[in-house]
């Protein structure tokens, strides 16, 4: 890993830490995160929260195939998790995601996990996903031309894991930080799919 990328990852980690302090650690147990102003979006820009349309993005999965959110949510709801390979709580959340994915296999729900670790760790992320047997889409966030994260910045991800449930069409139904209870997630998914 280059020194520049290490410095960027360290800066990103510091920003996430500072943002998580401002949001508060107790947000993990709340149904939704409080509305926040975007760091890079300018005054009045808001992060993806319930009732809003989720920001569109296109990034590559661990195999190098492009994934565009707007194409997926035009067809069906999406369960979206932001995670890191360095986060123990995220690993438990990924196992929960796999069980949800297995329960809804063949039905109208797409399960997607976005690794916030960045492009230099694509092979590590992909190896971990294969080792754990994840069969849902695992994407890797990357920096854009202005050095902003393509996915996690517009979504206001201040800590991992952060989970969002998007209705068909892209409206955010649920946003949750921290560990999700599998039974709550199951109820939200099945309720959404009955609509």
N, C-alpha and C. Protein backbone atom coordinates (compact mmCIF):
# COMPACT_ATOMS: atom_id res chain seq x y z
N UNK A 1 0.85 -1.16 0.00
CA UNK A 1 0.00 0.00 0.00
C UNK A 1 0.90 1.23 0.00
N UNK A 2 0.56 2.22 -0.82
CA UNK A 2 1.38 3.42 -0.90
C UNK A 2 1.20 4.28 0.34
N UNK A 3 2.20 5.11 0.58
CA UNK A 3 2.15 5.99 1.75
C UNK A 3 0.98 6.95 1.63
N UNK A 4 0.69 7.43 0.40
CA UNK A 4 -0.42 8.34 0.18
C UNK A 4 -1.75 7.68 0.53
N UNK A 5 -1.94 6.43 0.10
CA UNK A 5 -3.19 5.73 0.39
C UNK A 5 -3.30 5.44 1.88
N UNK A 6 -2.19 5.07 2.53
CA UNK A 6 -2.21 4.86 3.98
C UNK A 6 -2.62 6.13 4.69
N UNK A 7 -2.09 7.27 4.22
CA UNK A 7 -2.44 8.55 4.84
C UNK A 7 -3.92 8.86 4.63
N UNK A 8 -4.44 8.56 3.44
CA UNK A 8 -5.86 8.79 3.16
C UNK A 8 -6.74 7.92 4.05
N UNK A 9 -6.37 6.64 4.17
CA UNK A 9 -7.16 5.74 5.01
C UNK A 9 -7.12 6.18 6.47
N UNK A 10 -5.95 6.64 6.94
CA UNK A 10 -5.83 7.13 8.31
C UNK A 10 -6.67 8.38 8.50
N UNK A 11 -6.65 9.28 7.51
CA UNK A 11 -7.46 10.50 7.59
C UNK A 11 -8.94 10.14 7.59
N UNK A 12 -9.34 9.18 6.75
CA UNK A 12 -10.73 8.74 6.69
C UNK A 12 -11.15 8.16 8.04
N UNK A 13 -10.29 7.35 8.65
CA UNK A 13 -10.60 6.76 9.94
C UNK A 13 -10.76 7.86 11.01
N UNK A 14 -9.90 8.87 10.95
CA UNK A 14 -9.99 9.98 11.92
C UNK A 14 -11.29 10.75 11.73
N UNK A 15 -11.68 10.98 10.48
CA UNK A 15 -12.93 11.69 10.19
C UNK A 15 -14.11 10.88 10.70
N UNK A 16 -14.08 9.56 10.44
CA UNK A 16 -15.17 8.70 10.91
C UNK A 16 -15.27 8.75 12.43
N UNK A 17 -14.12 8.73 13.11
CA UNK A 17 -14.12 8.78 14.56
C UNK A 17 -14.72 10.09 15.06
N UNK A 18 -14.31 11.21 14.47
CA UNK A 18 -14.82 12.51 14.89
C UNK A 18 -16.31 12.64 14.60
N UNK A 19 -16.73 12.15 13.44
CA UNK A 19 -18.15 12.19 13.12
C UNK A 19 -18.96 11.31 14.06
N UNK A 20 -18.41 10.14 14.41
CA UNK A 20 -19.15 9.26 15.31
C UNK A 20 -19.29 9.89 16.69
N UNK A 21 -18.30 10.68 17.10
CA UNK A 21 -18.41 11.38 18.38
C UNK A 21 -19.53 12.41 18.32
N UNK A 22 -19.65 13.11 17.18
CA UNK A 22 -20.68 14.14 17.07
C UNK A 22 -22.06 13.52 16.99
N UNK A 23 -22.18 12.34 16.40
CA UNK A 23 -23.47 11.67 16.30
C UNK A 23 -23.82 11.04 17.64
N UNK A 24 -22.81 10.53 18.31
CA UNK A 24 -23.01 9.89 19.60
C UNK A 24 -23.10 8.38 19.48
N UNK A 25 -22.43 7.71 20.37
CA UNK A 25 -22.39 6.26 20.32
C UNK A 25 -23.75 5.63 20.61
N UNK A 26 -24.63 6.33 21.28
CA UNK A 26 -25.94 5.76 21.59
C UNK A 26 -26.83 5.63 20.38
N UNK A 27 -26.47 6.24 19.26
CA UNK A 27 -27.29 6.14 18.05
C UNK A 27 -27.39 4.71 17.57
N UNK A 28 -26.46 3.85 17.97
CA UNK A 28 -26.49 2.45 17.53
C UNK A 28 -27.75 1.74 17.98
N UNK A 29 -28.33 2.13 19.08
CA UNK A 29 -29.52 1.46 19.60
C UNK A 29 -30.81 2.14 19.18
N UNK A 30 -30.71 3.21 18.40
CA UNK A 30 -31.91 3.93 18.00
C UNK A 30 -32.40 3.44 16.66
N UNK A 31 -33.64 3.64 16.37
CA UNK A 31 -34.24 3.19 15.11
C UNK A 31 -33.63 3.90 13.91
N UNK A 32 -33.38 5.19 14.04
CA UNK A 32 -32.77 5.95 12.95
C UNK A 32 -31.70 6.85 13.53
N UNK A 33 -30.79 7.22 12.68
CA UNK A 33 -29.79 8.19 13.10
C UNK A 33 -30.38 9.59 12.98
N UNK A 34 -29.94 10.53 13.81
CA UNK A 34 -30.47 11.88 13.71
C UNK A 34 -30.04 12.53 12.39
N UNK A 35 -30.85 13.45 11.86
CA UNK A 35 -30.46 14.13 10.63
C UNK A 35 -29.19 14.93 10.86
N UNK A 36 -28.31 14.88 9.88
CA UNK A 36 -27.03 15.58 9.98
C UNK A 36 -26.80 16.39 8.73
N UNK A 37 -26.00 17.43 8.82
CA UNK A 37 -25.57 18.14 7.62
C UNK A 37 -24.39 17.41 7.03
N UNK A 38 -24.36 17.32 5.71
CA UNK A 38 -23.27 16.61 5.04
C UNK A 38 -21.98 17.39 5.15
N UNK A 39 -20.88 16.68 5.35
CA UNK A 39 -19.57 17.31 5.47
C UNK A 39 -19.16 17.94 4.14
N UNK A 40 -19.33 17.20 3.05
CA UNK A 40 -18.86 17.68 1.75
C UNK A 40 -19.97 18.26 0.89
N UNK A 41 -21.23 18.07 1.27
CA UNK A 41 -22.33 18.45 0.40
C UNK A 41 -22.72 19.91 0.49
N UNK A 42 -22.19 20.63 1.43
CA UNK A 42 -22.54 22.03 1.55
C UNK A 42 -23.72 22.22 2.50
N UNK A 43 -23.96 23.46 2.85
CA UNK A 43 -25.01 23.78 3.81
C UNK A 43 -26.37 23.35 3.26
N UNK A 44 -27.14 22.70 4.11
CA UNK A 44 -28.48 22.28 3.72
C UNK A 44 -28.53 20.89 3.11
N UNK A 45 -27.40 20.30 2.75
CA UNK A 45 -27.41 18.95 2.20
C UNK A 45 -27.59 17.98 3.35
N UNK A 46 -28.44 16.96 3.14
CA UNK A 46 -28.72 16.02 4.21
C UNK A 46 -28.29 14.62 3.80
N UNK A 47 -27.90 13.85 4.77
CA UNK A 47 -27.53 12.46 4.53
C UNK A 47 -28.79 11.64 4.30
N UNK A 48 -28.60 10.47 3.72
CA UNK A 48 -29.72 9.55 3.47
C UNK A 48 -30.33 9.13 4.80
N UNK A 49 -31.59 9.44 4.98
CA UNK A 49 -32.32 9.09 6.20
C UNK A 49 -33.74 8.71 5.80
N UNK A 50 -34.49 8.06 6.69
CA UNK A 50 -35.84 7.61 6.34
C UNK A 50 -36.68 8.72 5.72
N UNK A 51 -37.38 8.35 4.65
CA UNK A 51 -38.23 9.29 3.93
C UNK A 51 -37.55 9.94 2.73
N UNK A 52 -36.23 9.92 2.69
CA UNK A 52 -35.48 10.53 1.59
C UNK A 52 -35.21 9.48 0.51
N UNK A 53 -34.92 9.95 -0.70
CA UNK A 53 -34.48 9.07 -1.77
C UNK A 53 -32.98 8.84 -1.60
N UNK A 54 -32.57 7.59 -1.61
CA UNK A 54 -31.16 7.23 -1.43
C UNK A 54 -30.33 7.76 -2.60
N UNK A 55 -29.16 8.30 -2.32
CA UNK A 55 -28.28 8.77 -3.40
C UNK A 55 -27.86 7.61 -4.30
N UNK A 56 -27.87 7.85 -5.60
CA UNK A 56 -27.45 6.83 -6.54
C UNK A 56 -25.93 6.73 -6.52
N UNK A 57 -25.41 5.57 -6.87
CA UNK A 57 -23.97 5.37 -6.98
C UNK A 57 -23.69 4.22 -7.93
N UNK A 58 -22.49 4.23 -8.46
CA UNK A 58 -21.98 3.10 -9.24
C UNK A 58 -20.57 2.82 -8.75
N UNK A 59 -20.34 1.62 -8.23
CA UNK A 59 -19.01 1.16 -7.83
C UNK A 59 -18.87 -0.30 -8.25
N UNK A 60 -17.65 -0.80 -8.13
CA UNK A 60 -17.37 -2.18 -8.52
C UNK A 60 -17.55 -3.13 -7.35
N UNK A 61 -17.97 -4.35 -7.67
CA UNK A 61 -18.01 -5.38 -6.64
C UNK A 61 -16.61 -5.99 -6.51
N UNK A 62 -16.45 -6.97 -5.62
CA UNK A 62 -15.13 -7.54 -5.38
C UNK A 62 -14.57 -8.28 -6.60
N UNK A 63 -15.45 -8.64 -7.52
CA UNK A 63 -15.02 -9.32 -8.75
C UNK A 63 -14.70 -8.33 -9.87
N UNK A 64 -14.93 -7.03 -9.63
CA UNK A 64 -14.64 -6.02 -10.63
C UNK A 64 -15.82 -5.68 -11.55
N UNK A 65 -17.03 -6.17 -11.21
CA UNK A 65 -18.22 -5.87 -12.00
C UNK A 65 -18.92 -4.63 -11.45
N UNK A 66 -19.38 -3.74 -12.33
CA UNK A 66 -20.06 -2.53 -11.84
C UNK A 66 -21.43 -2.84 -11.27
N UNK A 67 -21.80 -2.10 -10.23
CA UNK A 67 -23.11 -2.19 -9.61
C UNK A 67 -23.66 -0.78 -9.53
N UNK A 68 -24.85 -0.56 -10.09
CA UNK A 68 -25.50 0.76 -10.02
C UNK A 68 -26.77 0.63 -9.20
N UNK A 69 -26.85 1.38 -8.12
CA UNK A 69 -27.99 1.29 -7.21
C UNK A 69 -29.31 1.59 -7.91
N UNK A 70 -29.36 2.66 -8.71
CA UNK A 70 -30.64 3.06 -9.32
C UNK A 70 -31.23 1.96 -10.19
N UNK A 71 -30.38 1.17 -10.84
CA UNK A 71 -30.88 0.06 -11.65
C UNK A 71 -31.52 -1.01 -10.76
N UNK A 72 -30.91 -1.26 -9.63
CA UNK A 72 -31.40 -2.30 -8.73
C UNK A 72 -32.70 -1.88 -8.05
N UNK A 73 -32.75 -0.65 -7.50
CA UNK A 73 -33.96 -0.22 -6.79
C UNK A 73 -35.12 0.08 -7.74
N UNK A 74 -34.85 0.18 -9.03
CA UNK A 74 -35.97 0.35 -9.97
C UNK A 74 -36.74 -0.96 -10.10
N UNK A 75 -36.10 -2.08 -9.74
CA UNK A 75 -36.72 -3.40 -9.86
C UNK A 75 -37.23 -3.97 -8.54
N UNK A 76 -36.51 -3.68 -7.44
CA UNK A 76 -36.88 -4.28 -6.15
C UNK A 76 -36.22 -3.55 -4.99
N UNK A 77 -36.68 -3.82 -3.76
CA UNK A 77 -36.07 -3.22 -2.58
C UNK A 77 -34.62 -3.69 -2.39
N UNK A 78 -33.85 -2.88 -1.68
CA UNK A 78 -32.43 -3.19 -1.44
C UNK A 78 -32.13 -3.03 0.05
N UNK A 79 -31.46 -4.04 0.60
CA UNK A 79 -30.93 -3.99 1.96
C UNK A 79 -29.45 -3.68 1.81
N UNK A 80 -29.01 -2.53 2.33
CA UNK A 80 -27.67 -2.01 2.09
C UNK A 80 -26.91 -1.87 3.40
N UNK A 81 -25.75 -2.51 3.49
CA UNK A 81 -24.93 -2.45 4.70
C UNK A 81 -23.57 -1.84 4.39
N UNK A 82 -23.16 -0.88 5.20
CA UNK A 82 -21.79 -0.33 5.14
C UNK A 82 -21.00 -1.03 6.24
N UNK A 83 -19.83 -1.56 5.89
CA UNK A 83 -19.06 -2.38 6.83
C UNK A 83 -17.57 -2.23 6.54
N UNK A 84 -16.76 -2.81 7.43
CA UNK A 84 -15.30 -2.83 7.26
C UNK A 84 -14.78 -4.20 7.69
N UNK A 85 -13.76 -4.68 7.00
CA UNK A 85 -13.16 -5.96 7.37
C UNK A 85 -12.47 -5.88 8.73
N UNK A 86 -12.20 -4.67 9.21
CA UNK A 86 -11.51 -4.49 10.49
C UNK A 86 -12.48 -4.34 11.66
N UNK A 87 -13.77 -4.46 11.41
CA UNK A 87 -14.81 -4.21 12.41
C UNK A 87 -15.44 -5.54 12.83
N UNK A 88 -15.23 -5.94 14.10
CA UNK A 88 -15.79 -7.19 14.61
C UNK A 88 -17.31 -7.20 14.56
N UNK A 89 -17.93 -6.10 14.96
CA UNK A 89 -19.38 -6.01 14.93
C UNK A 89 -19.91 -6.17 13.50
N UNK A 90 -19.14 -5.66 12.53
CA UNK A 90 -19.52 -5.79 11.12
C UNK A 90 -19.54 -7.25 10.68
N UNK A 91 -18.60 -8.01 11.16
CA UNK A 91 -18.55 -9.43 10.78
C UNK A 91 -19.81 -10.16 11.25
N UNK A 92 -20.27 -9.84 12.45
CA UNK A 92 -21.52 -10.43 12.94
C UNK A 92 -22.69 -9.95 12.09
N UNK A 93 -22.68 -8.69 11.71
CA UNK A 93 -23.75 -8.14 10.88
C UNK A 93 -23.76 -8.78 9.49
N UNK A 94 -22.58 -9.07 8.95
CA UNK A 94 -22.49 -9.72 7.64
C UNK A 94 -23.10 -11.12 7.71
N UNK A 95 -22.89 -11.84 8.81
CA UNK A 95 -23.48 -13.17 8.97
C UNK A 95 -25.01 -13.06 9.01
N UNK A 96 -25.52 -12.02 9.69
CA UNK A 96 -26.96 -11.78 9.72
C UNK A 96 -27.47 -11.48 8.31
N UNK A 97 -26.73 -10.66 7.57
CA UNK A 97 -27.11 -10.35 6.19
C UNK A 97 -27.19 -11.61 5.33
N UNK A 98 -26.24 -12.52 5.53
CA UNK A 98 -26.25 -13.76 4.75
C UNK A 98 -27.50 -14.57 5.06
N UNK A 99 -27.89 -14.63 6.33
CA UNK A 99 -29.10 -15.37 6.69
C UNK A 99 -30.34 -14.72 6.07
N UNK A 100 -30.41 -13.39 6.09
CA UNK A 100 -31.53 -12.69 5.46
C UNK A 100 -31.52 -12.97 3.96
N UNK A 101 -30.35 -12.90 3.35
CA UNK A 101 -30.24 -13.19 1.91
C UNK A 101 -30.73 -14.60 1.61
N UNK A 102 -30.32 -15.56 2.42
CA UNK A 102 -30.75 -16.95 2.22
C UNK A 102 -32.27 -17.09 2.38
N UNK A 103 -32.84 -16.41 3.38
CA UNK A 103 -34.28 -16.48 3.63
C UNK A 103 -35.10 -15.90 2.48
N UNK A 104 -34.54 -14.91 1.78
CA UNK A 104 -35.28 -14.24 0.71
C UNK A 104 -34.76 -14.61 -0.68
N UNK A 105 -33.97 -15.65 -0.78
CA UNK A 105 -33.43 -16.08 -2.06
C UNK A 105 -34.57 -16.33 -3.04
N UNK A 106 -34.46 -15.75 -4.23
CA UNK A 106 -35.47 -15.93 -5.26
C UNK A 106 -36.66 -15.00 -5.11
N UNK A 107 -36.70 -14.20 -4.04
CA UNK A 107 -37.79 -13.23 -3.87
C UNK A 107 -37.27 -11.84 -4.17
N UNK A 108 -38.14 -10.87 -4.10
CA UNK A 108 -37.78 -9.52 -4.53
C UNK A 108 -37.07 -8.70 -3.45
N UNK A 109 -35.83 -9.06 -3.14
CA UNK A 109 -35.01 -8.28 -2.23
C UNK A 109 -33.55 -8.49 -2.64
N UNK A 110 -32.84 -7.38 -2.82
CA UNK A 110 -31.41 -7.46 -3.12
C UNK A 110 -30.63 -7.09 -1.86
N UNK A 111 -29.67 -7.91 -1.50
CA UNK A 111 -28.81 -7.65 -0.34
C UNK A 111 -27.43 -7.25 -0.85
N UNK A 112 -26.95 -6.09 -0.36
CA UNK A 112 -25.68 -5.52 -0.82
C UNK A 112 -24.89 -5.03 0.38
N UNK A 113 -23.59 -5.32 0.40
CA UNK A 113 -22.70 -4.80 1.44
C UNK A 113 -21.61 -3.97 0.79
N UNK A 114 -21.39 -2.75 1.30
CA UNK A 114 -20.38 -1.85 0.77
C UNK A 114 -19.23 -1.77 1.77
N UNK A 115 -18.07 -2.27 1.37
CA UNK A 115 -16.88 -2.19 2.23
C UNK A 115 -16.30 -0.78 2.14
N UNK A 116 -16.16 -0.13 3.29
CA UNK A 116 -15.66 1.25 3.33
C UNK A 116 -14.13 1.30 3.39
N UNK A 117 -13.48 0.14 3.26
CA UNK A 117 -12.03 0.06 3.39
C UNK A 117 -11.28 0.60 2.19
N UNK A 118 -11.93 0.72 1.05
CA UNK A 118 -11.32 1.33 -0.12
C UNK A 118 -10.68 0.34 -1.09
N UNK A 119 -10.44 0.85 -2.27
CA UNK A 119 -9.92 0.09 -3.40
C UNK A 119 -8.63 -0.68 -3.12
N UNK A 120 -7.67 -0.13 -2.37
CA UNK A 120 -6.43 -0.88 -2.14
C UNK A 120 -6.64 -2.21 -1.42
N UNK A 121 -7.76 -2.37 -0.73
CA UNK A 121 -8.02 -3.60 0.00
C UNK A 121 -9.02 -4.52 -0.72
N UNK A 122 -9.28 -4.27 -2.01
CA UNK A 122 -10.24 -5.06 -2.78
C UNK A 122 -9.97 -6.56 -2.66
N UNK A 123 -8.71 -6.98 -2.84
CA UNK A 123 -8.38 -8.41 -2.78
C UNK A 123 -8.62 -8.98 -1.38
N UNK A 124 -8.30 -8.23 -0.35
CA UNK A 124 -8.54 -8.68 1.03
C UNK A 124 -10.03 -8.82 1.29
N UNK A 125 -10.80 -7.82 0.86
CA UNK A 125 -12.25 -7.84 1.04
C UNK A 125 -12.86 -9.03 0.28
N UNK A 126 -12.43 -9.20 -0.96
CA UNK A 126 -12.93 -10.31 -1.78
C UNK A 126 -12.57 -11.66 -1.18
N UNK A 127 -11.34 -11.80 -0.69
CA UNK A 127 -10.91 -13.04 -0.05
C UNK A 127 -11.72 -13.35 1.20
N UNK A 128 -11.99 -12.32 1.99
CA UNK A 128 -12.79 -12.50 3.20
C UNK A 128 -14.21 -12.93 2.83
N UNK A 129 -14.80 -12.28 1.83
CA UNK A 129 -16.17 -12.61 1.40
C UNK A 129 -16.25 -14.05 0.90
N UNK A 130 -15.26 -14.47 0.14
CA UNK A 130 -15.25 -15.86 -0.36
C UNK A 130 -15.05 -16.85 0.79
N UNK A 131 -14.13 -16.53 1.70
CA UNK A 131 -13.86 -17.40 2.85
C UNK A 131 -15.10 -17.60 3.69
N UNK A 132 -15.88 -16.55 3.89
CA UNK A 132 -17.07 -16.63 4.72
C UNK A 132 -18.28 -17.16 3.96
N UNK A 133 -18.16 -17.30 2.64
CA UNK A 133 -19.24 -17.86 1.84
C UNK A 133 -20.40 -16.92 1.56
N UNK A 134 -20.13 -15.61 1.53
CA UNK A 134 -21.19 -14.65 1.26
C UNK A 134 -21.63 -14.79 -0.20
N UNK A 135 -22.94 -14.88 -0.40
CA UNK A 135 -23.46 -15.03 -1.75
C UNK A 135 -24.21 -13.79 -2.22
N UNK A 136 -24.27 -12.75 -1.37
CA UNK A 136 -24.85 -11.48 -1.80
C UNK A 136 -23.75 -10.60 -2.39
N UNK A 137 -24.15 -9.47 -2.98
CA UNK A 137 -23.20 -8.55 -3.61
C UNK A 137 -22.34 -7.87 -2.55
N UNK A 138 -21.02 -7.93 -2.73
CA UNK A 138 -20.08 -7.22 -1.86
C UNK A 138 -19.36 -6.20 -2.74
N UNK A 139 -19.58 -4.92 -2.44
CA UNK A 139 -19.01 -3.82 -3.20
C UNK A 139 -17.86 -3.19 -2.42
N UNK A 140 -17.02 -2.43 -3.13
CA UNK A 140 -15.90 -1.75 -2.49
C UNK A 140 -16.01 -0.26 -2.80
N UNK A 141 -16.13 0.57 -1.75
CA UNK A 141 -16.19 2.02 -1.93
C UNK A 141 -14.85 2.52 -2.47
N UNK A 142 -14.91 3.61 -3.20
CA UNK A 142 -13.67 4.16 -3.77
C UNK A 142 -13.75 5.68 -3.79
N UNK A 143 -12.60 6.30 -3.91
CA UNK A 143 -12.53 7.75 -3.96
C UNK A 143 -12.87 8.23 -5.36
N UNK A 144 -13.57 9.38 -5.44
CA UNK A 144 -13.85 9.98 -6.74
C UNK A 144 -12.72 10.95 -7.09
N UNK A 145 -12.88 11.69 -8.17
CA UNK A 145 -11.83 12.61 -8.63
C UNK A 145 -11.55 13.73 -7.64
N UNK A 146 -12.50 14.03 -6.75
CA UNK A 146 -12.31 15.10 -5.76
C UNK A 146 -11.87 14.56 -4.40
N UNK A 147 -11.48 13.26 -4.38
CA UNK A 147 -11.00 12.62 -3.15
C UNK A 147 -12.10 12.41 -2.11
N UNK A 148 -13.35 12.32 -2.55
CA UNK A 148 -14.47 11.99 -1.65
C UNK A 148 -14.88 10.55 -1.91
N UNK A 149 -15.38 9.88 -0.89
CA UNK A 149 -15.85 8.52 -1.05
C UNK A 149 -17.14 8.54 -1.85
N UNK A 150 -17.22 7.71 -2.88
CA UNK A 150 -18.36 7.71 -3.79
C UNK A 150 -19.66 7.30 -3.11
N UNK A 151 -19.60 6.40 -2.16
CA UNK A 151 -20.82 5.89 -1.54
C UNK A 151 -20.97 6.36 -0.09
N UNK A 152 -19.98 6.13 0.73
CA UNK A 152 -20.13 6.41 2.16
C UNK A 152 -20.26 7.90 2.48
N UNK A 153 -19.64 8.80 1.72
CA UNK A 153 -19.80 10.23 1.99
C UNK A 153 -21.24 10.70 1.75
N UNK A 154 -21.84 10.42 0.57
CA UNK A 154 -23.22 10.87 0.36
C UNK A 154 -24.22 10.23 1.33
N UNK A 155 -23.90 9.05 1.85
CA UNK A 155 -24.79 8.38 2.78
C UNK A 155 -24.54 8.80 4.22
N UNK A 156 -23.49 9.58 4.46
CA UNK A 156 -23.20 10.05 5.80
C UNK A 156 -22.80 8.95 6.76
N UNK A 157 -22.04 8.00 6.28
CA UNK A 157 -21.62 6.88 7.11
C UNK A 157 -20.50 7.35 8.03
N UNK A 158 -20.82 7.45 9.31
CA UNK A 158 -19.86 7.91 10.31
C UNK A 158 -19.27 6.76 11.10
N UNK A 159 -19.92 5.61 11.06
CA UNK A 159 -19.44 4.45 11.80
C UNK A 159 -19.97 3.19 11.12
N UNK A 160 -19.27 2.11 11.35
CA UNK A 160 -19.72 0.84 10.80
C UNK A 160 -20.06 -0.10 11.95
N UNK A 161 -21.03 -0.98 11.78
CA UNK A 161 -21.89 -1.12 10.61
C UNK A 161 -23.01 -0.09 10.60
N UNK A 162 -23.42 0.30 9.39
CA UNK A 162 -24.59 1.14 9.18
C UNK A 162 -25.46 0.43 8.14
N UNK A 163 -26.71 0.23 8.46
CA UNK A 163 -27.62 -0.54 7.61
C UNK A 163 -28.77 0.35 7.15
N UNK A 164 -29.14 0.23 5.86
CA UNK A 164 -30.29 0.93 5.32
C UNK A 164 -31.17 -0.05 4.57
N UNK A 165 -32.47 0.14 4.69
CA UNK A 165 -33.43 -0.64 3.92
C UNK A 165 -34.11 0.34 2.98
N UNK A 166 -34.00 0.08 1.67
CA UNK A 166 -34.54 0.96 0.64
C UNK A 166 -35.73 0.30 -0.03
N UNK A 167 -36.82 1.04 -0.15
CA UNK A 167 -37.99 0.55 -0.86
C UNK A 167 -37.69 0.49 -2.35
N UNK A 168 -38.52 -0.25 -3.09
CA UNK A 168 -38.44 -0.21 -4.55
C UNK A 168 -38.65 1.24 -4.95
N UNK A 169 -37.78 1.78 -5.78
CA UNK A 169 -37.82 3.19 -6.14
C UNK A 169 -36.74 3.99 -5.43
N UNK A 170 -36.19 3.45 -4.33
CA UNK A 170 -35.04 4.08 -3.68
C UNK A 170 -35.32 4.88 -2.43
N UNK A 171 -36.56 4.95 -1.97
CA UNK A 171 -36.85 5.70 -0.74
C UNK A 171 -36.31 4.93 0.47
N UNK A 172 -35.63 5.66 1.37
CA UNK A 172 -35.06 5.05 2.57
C UNK A 172 -36.20 4.78 3.56
N UNK A 173 -36.36 3.51 3.90
CA UNK A 173 -37.38 3.10 4.85
C UNK A 173 -36.81 3.02 6.27
N UNK A 174 -35.56 2.56 6.38
CA UNK A 174 -34.95 2.33 7.69
C UNK A 174 -33.46 2.64 7.61
N UNK A 175 -32.94 3.27 8.64
CA UNK A 175 -31.50 3.48 8.79
C UNK A 175 -31.15 3.11 10.21
N UNK A 176 -30.13 2.28 10.34
CA UNK A 176 -29.75 1.79 11.67
C UNK A 176 -28.23 1.71 11.77
N UNK A 177 -27.69 2.21 12.87
CA UNK A 177 -26.27 2.09 13.14
C UNK A 177 -26.05 1.03 14.20
N UNK A 178 -24.94 0.32 14.11
CA UNK A 178 -24.65 -0.72 15.08
C UNK A 178 -25.27 -2.04 14.69
N UNK A 179 -25.28 -2.97 15.62
CA UNK A 179 -25.79 -4.33 15.37
C UNK A 179 -27.30 -4.31 15.26
N UNK A 180 -27.80 -4.94 14.20
CA UNK A 180 -29.25 -5.07 14.02
C UNK A 180 -29.73 -6.38 14.61
N UNK A 181 -30.91 -6.34 15.19
CA UNK A 181 -31.51 -7.59 15.66
C UNK A 181 -32.12 -8.29 14.47
N UNK A 182 -31.80 -9.55 14.32
CA UNK A 182 -32.24 -10.30 13.15
C UNK A 182 -33.77 -10.36 13.05
N UNK A 183 -34.46 -10.49 14.17
CA UNK A 183 -35.92 -10.57 14.13
C UNK A 183 -36.53 -9.25 13.67
N UNK A 184 -35.96 -8.11 14.09
CA UNK A 184 -36.45 -6.81 13.64
C UNK A 184 -36.22 -6.63 12.14
N UNK A 185 -35.05 -7.05 11.70
CA UNK A 185 -34.72 -6.94 10.29
C UNK A 185 -35.64 -7.82 9.46
N UNK A 186 -35.91 -9.00 9.95
CA UNK A 186 -36.81 -9.93 9.28
C UNK A 186 -38.21 -9.34 9.15
N UNK A 187 -38.71 -8.72 10.24
CA UNK A 187 -40.04 -8.10 10.19
C UNK A 187 -40.08 -6.95 9.20
N UNK A 188 -39.04 -6.11 9.19
CA UNK A 188 -39.00 -4.97 8.26
C UNK A 188 -38.96 -5.46 6.81
N UNK A 189 -38.14 -6.48 6.55
CA UNK A 189 -38.04 -7.01 5.19
C UNK A 189 -39.36 -7.62 4.74
N UNK A 190 -39.96 -8.46 5.57
CA UNK A 190 -41.20 -9.13 5.15
C UNK A 190 -42.33 -8.12 5.02
N UNK A 191 -42.37 -7.11 5.86
CA UNK A 191 -43.39 -6.05 5.75
C UNK A 191 -43.23 -5.29 4.44
N UNK A 192 -42.00 -4.98 4.09
CA UNK A 192 -41.71 -4.27 2.85
C UNK A 192 -42.10 -5.09 1.64
N UNK A 193 -41.82 -6.37 1.67
CA UNK A 193 -42.11 -7.22 0.52
C UNK A 193 -43.59 -7.49 0.34
N UNK A 194 -44.40 -7.26 1.37
CA UNK A 194 -45.85 -7.44 1.26
C UNK A 194 -46.51 -6.26 0.58
N UNK A 195 -45.82 -5.12 0.51
CA UNK A 195 -46.39 -3.91 -0.09
C UNK A 195 -46.67 -4.10 -1.56
